[in-house]
Amino acid sequence: MKHSKPNLNKNITVEELNSWYWYKKDFTEFCRLHKLKTTGKKLELQKRIECFLKTGNAPLDNKNHESKSKNII
């Protein structure tokens, strides 16, 4: 017996999230609703949502913001 696709909301489990096909639009709407960053590729949005579901918080931005200027000697 097949189960029906659950609604994408904050009560969904990570396992359910990863068991179904979602459109990027679904992820973007979820992120917007829960005040998460909405930019990025579909996989980035999915990982952001997974973190939110596990912790209840928005993930921290892991990108390194080092200066790209060259040291002049």
C-alpha atoms as a PDB file:
ATOM      1  CA  MET A   1       0.000   0.000   0.000  1.00  0.00           C
ATOM      2  CA  LYS A   2       1.413   3.400  -0.983  1.00  0.00           C
ATOM      3  CA  HIS A   3       1.305   6.278   1.422  1.00  0.00           C
ATOM      4  CA  SER A   4       0.290   9.680   0.182  1.00  0.00           C
ATOM      5  CA  LYS A   5       2.837  12.470   0.003  1.00  0.00           C
ATOM      6  CA  PRO A   6       2.831  14.483   3.247  1.00  0.00           C
ATOM      7  CA  ASN A   7       2.525  18.246   3.388  1.00  0.00           C
ATOM      8  CA  LEU A   8       5.838  20.052   3.571  1.00  0.00           C
ATOM      9  CA  ASN A   9       5.602  21.698   6.987  1.00  0.00           C
ATOM     10  CA  LYS A  10       7.661  21.962  10.167  1.00  0.00           C
ATOM     11  CA  ASN A  11       6.173  18.696  11.497  1.00  0.00           C
ATOM     12  CA  ILE A  12       7.520  16.543   8.658  1.00  0.00           C
ATOM     13  CA  THR A  13      10.436  14.249   9.505  1.00  0.00           C
ATOM     14  CA  VAL A  14      13.761  14.389   7.691  1.00  0.00           C
ATOM     15  CA  GLU A  15      13.089  10.836   6.503  1.00  0.00           C
ATOM     16  CA  GLU A  16       9.778  11.896   4.963  1.00  0.00           C
ATOM     17  CA  LEU A  17      11.419  14.932   3.406  1.00  0.00           C
ATOM     18  CA  ASN A  18      14.020  12.719   1.738  1.00  0.00           C
ATOM     19  CA  SER A  19      11.532  10.021   0.706  1.00  0.00           C
ATOM     20  CA  TRP A  20       9.513  12.181  -1.664  1.00  0.00           C
ATOM     21  CA  TYR A  21      10.167  14.274  -4.741  1.00  0.00           C
ATOM     22  CA  TRP A  22       9.760  18.002  -4.104  1.00  0.00           C
ATOM     23  CA  TYR A  23       9.934  20.936  -6.468  1.00  0.00           C
ATOM     24  CA  LYS A  24      12.300  23.789  -5.742  1.00  0.00           C
ATOM     25  CA  LYS A  25       9.187  25.959  -5.483  1.00  0.00           C
ATOM     26  CA  ASP A  26       8.033  23.805  -2.529  1.00  0.00           C
ATOM     27  CA  PHE A  27      11.350  24.362  -0.750  1.00  0.00           C
ATOM     28  CA  THR A  28      11.342  28.094  -1.480  1.00  0.00           C
ATOM     29  CA  GLU A  29       7.823  28.492  -0.080  1.00  0.00           C
ATOM     30  CA  PHE A  30       8.765  26.527   3.063  1.00  0.00           C
ATOM     31  CA  CYS A  31      11.867  28.666   3.572  1.00  0.00           C
ATOM     32  CA  ARG A  32       9.936  31.889   3.073  1.00  0.00           C
ATOM     33  CA  LEU A  33       7.252  30.788   5.534  1.00  0.00           C
ATOM     34  CA  HIS A  34       9.823  29.883   8.200  1.00  0.00           C
ATOM     35  CA  LYS A  35      12.063  32.910   7.560  1.00  0.00           C
ATOM     36  CA  LEU A  36      14.941  30.874   6.146  1.00  0.00           C
ATOM     37  CA  LYS A  37      17.216  32.045   3.357  1.00  0.00           C
ATOM     38  CA  THR A  38      15.422  31.380   0.040  1.00  0.00           C
ATOM     39  CA  THR A  39      18.329  31.679  -2.374  1.00  0.00           C
ATOM     40  CA  GLY A  40      20.469  28.860  -3.691  1.00  0.00           C
ATOM     41  CA  LYS A  41      20.121  25.640  -5.598  1.00  0.00           C
ATOM     42  CA  LYS A  42      17.452  23.083  -4.799  1.00  0.00           C
ATOM     43  CA  LEU A  43      19.884  20.853  -2.881  1.00  0.00           C
ATOM     44  CA  GLU A  44      21.029  23.818  -0.782  1.00  0.00           C
ATOM     45  CA  LEU A  45      17.429  24.609   0.122  1.00  0.00           C
ATOM     46  CA  GLN A  46      16.801  20.965   1.023  1.00  0.00           C
ATOM     47  CA  LYS A  47      19.843  20.885   3.327  1.00  0.00           C
ATOM     48  CA  ARG A  48      18.719  24.162   4.913  1.00  0.00           C
ATOM     49  CA  ILE A  49      15.275  22.659   5.572  1.00  0.00           C
ATOM     50  CA  GLU A  50      16.810  19.454   6.973  1.00  0.00           C
ATOM     51  CA  CYS A  51      18.844  21.520   9.439  1.00  0.00           C
ATOM     52  CA  PHE A  52      15.736  23.479  10.414  1.00  0.00           C
ATOM     53  CA  LEU A  53      13.732  20.283  10.969  1.00  0.00           C
ATOM     54  CA  LYS A  54      16.506  18.756  13.110  1.00  0.00           C
ATOM     55  CA  THR A  55      17.302  21.816  15.231  1.00  0.00           C
ATOM     56  CA  GLY A  56      14.316  24.138  14.949  1.00  0.00           C
ATOM     57  CA  ASN A  57      16.693  26.917  13.949  1.00  0.00           C
ATOM     58  CA  ALA A  58      17.950  28.421  10.730  1.00  0.00           C
ATOM     59  CA  PRO A  59      21.370  27.028   9.796  1.00  0.00           C
ATOM     60  CA  LEU A  60      24.395  29.256  10.149  1.00  0.00           C
ATOM     61  CA  ASP A  61      26.049  30.442   6.969  1.00  0.00           C
ATOM     62  CA  ASN A  62      29.118  28.202   6.626  1.00  0.00           C
ATOM     63  CA  LYS A  63      30.774  30.172   3.874  1.00  0.00           C
ATOM     64  CA  ASN A  64      34.145  31.630   4.717  1.00  0.00           C
ATOM     65  CA  HIS A  65      34.137  35.374   4.197  1.00  0.00           C
ATOM     66  CA  GLU A  66      37.890  35.904   3.973  1.00  0.00           C
ATOM     67  CA  SER A  67      39.173  38.925   2.184  1.00  0.00           C
ATOM     68  CA  LYS A  68      40.177  38.218  -1.389  1.00  0.00           C
ATOM     69  CA  SER A  69      42.688  41.063  -1.493  1.00  0.00           C
ATOM     70  CA  LYS A  70      46.307  40.151  -2.061  1.00  0.00           C
ATOM     71  CA  ASN A  71      48.962  40.999   0.460  1.00  0.00           C
ATOM     72  CA  ILE A  72      51.329  43.581  -0.958  1.00  0.00           C
ATOM     73  CA  ILE A  73      54.881  43.431   0.321  1.00  0.00           C
END
